[in-house]
Amino acid sequence: MAKLVLGIGTSHTPMLNAPPTDWPRFIERDTQRTELLDTDGNLTSYEAQLKRAPADIAAQIAPERMATRHAAVESAMSRLGDYLKEARLDTLIVVGDDQDELYHAANMPGILVYYGETIRNVPMAPVANPTWGWRASARWHEEKVPREYPVDSGLARHLIDRLIDGEFDIAASDSCPEGEGEGHAIGFVHRRIMKEVVPIVPICINTYYPPNQPTPRRCYRLGQAIREAIESYPGDKRVGIIASGGLSHFVVDEALDRGFLDMLKKKDAEAIQNLPRKLLNSGSSEIRNWICVGGAVEHLSLEWSHYEPGYRTPAGTGTGLGFAFWA
């Protein structure tokens, strides 16, 4: 039978696509955000967060601290790429969220499995005067011309069948619309983590957009069901699974991030499934992707993790930068 032999978790923020000298420039975005949530999960403003920032925020966003942090996360991503290469996988399941890229408010699936033979990566449309923000986003789509990446459509179809048998209402897609391609969560894995191309199975969870965000418990059980489906697939295929996204943002919540990583380390399934939904909105919603992987890798051990609180402004906004490996 096929086996799930590897688990990975990685953040995929544009901060990871930008040099540390550009990190302070995110203030241009953070001061304008309408979905900024505080560490209690309540809607807030940049001005209000200035009063709640960590006492040592000046030290946290000092240029030398940002440079050190950037070097650490670059090393962490490279290490994940090495783990992935050394695992000699036949297939990698990529669990990520689509942020109004392929799927939109008119038809937003809660859980979707992509089963086409390939999935396309397309360059971002050129602009006359590209900003630093545009360049950071473009690194998810670095292909000079559209490129088709391989998909394990056989395993994908099997997952769809078995998940439906397990009473998951699965949406399915076999192609991208003309001129469009994979979303940022998948593109990040292809462009920033993989060192050798491995066929993938994209699974999209609507983490971001109410009203049909799956609960933490549902995400965890989805992961369990994915592992069961893999183990019922004929042959000796070696399969991995990666969570793309998170951790907390756009206000860094160290307590949430460190607590969640500890839950994963301890395999505390009940605590993971009972994470307050109020804390899993806006950018922090992507923690749901990690929850799904946590359910899938219960039989593995969290061998290594690295966390950096990616503060970037005086208000303590930024991204919790998390990386992990299960084997």
Foldseek 3Di string as FASTA:
>chain_A
DEAADKEKEFAQDLVLLAALVCLLVCCVVQQPDQCAADQVLHGDHLVVLLVVADPCVVVCAPSVNSNVVNVVLLVQLAVLQVVVVVLPAQEEAEEFAADCAQDDPVGDDQKEKEQAQWFKQAADDDDDDDDSSNSSQRLLRVDPGIDTAGAPNVLSVLLVVQVVVVVDPYHYHHYGPPPGTDGSQVSCCVRRRHPDGHHYIYMHHHLEDDDNHDALLVLLVLLLSSRVSSVPDDDHGHYYYYQYHAADDQAFDPCVVVVVVVCLQVVVLVVRRPDDSSRLYDRNSSVSSVSNNSSNQSVWHFPDKDWDLAARHSSRTDGTTIITMTD
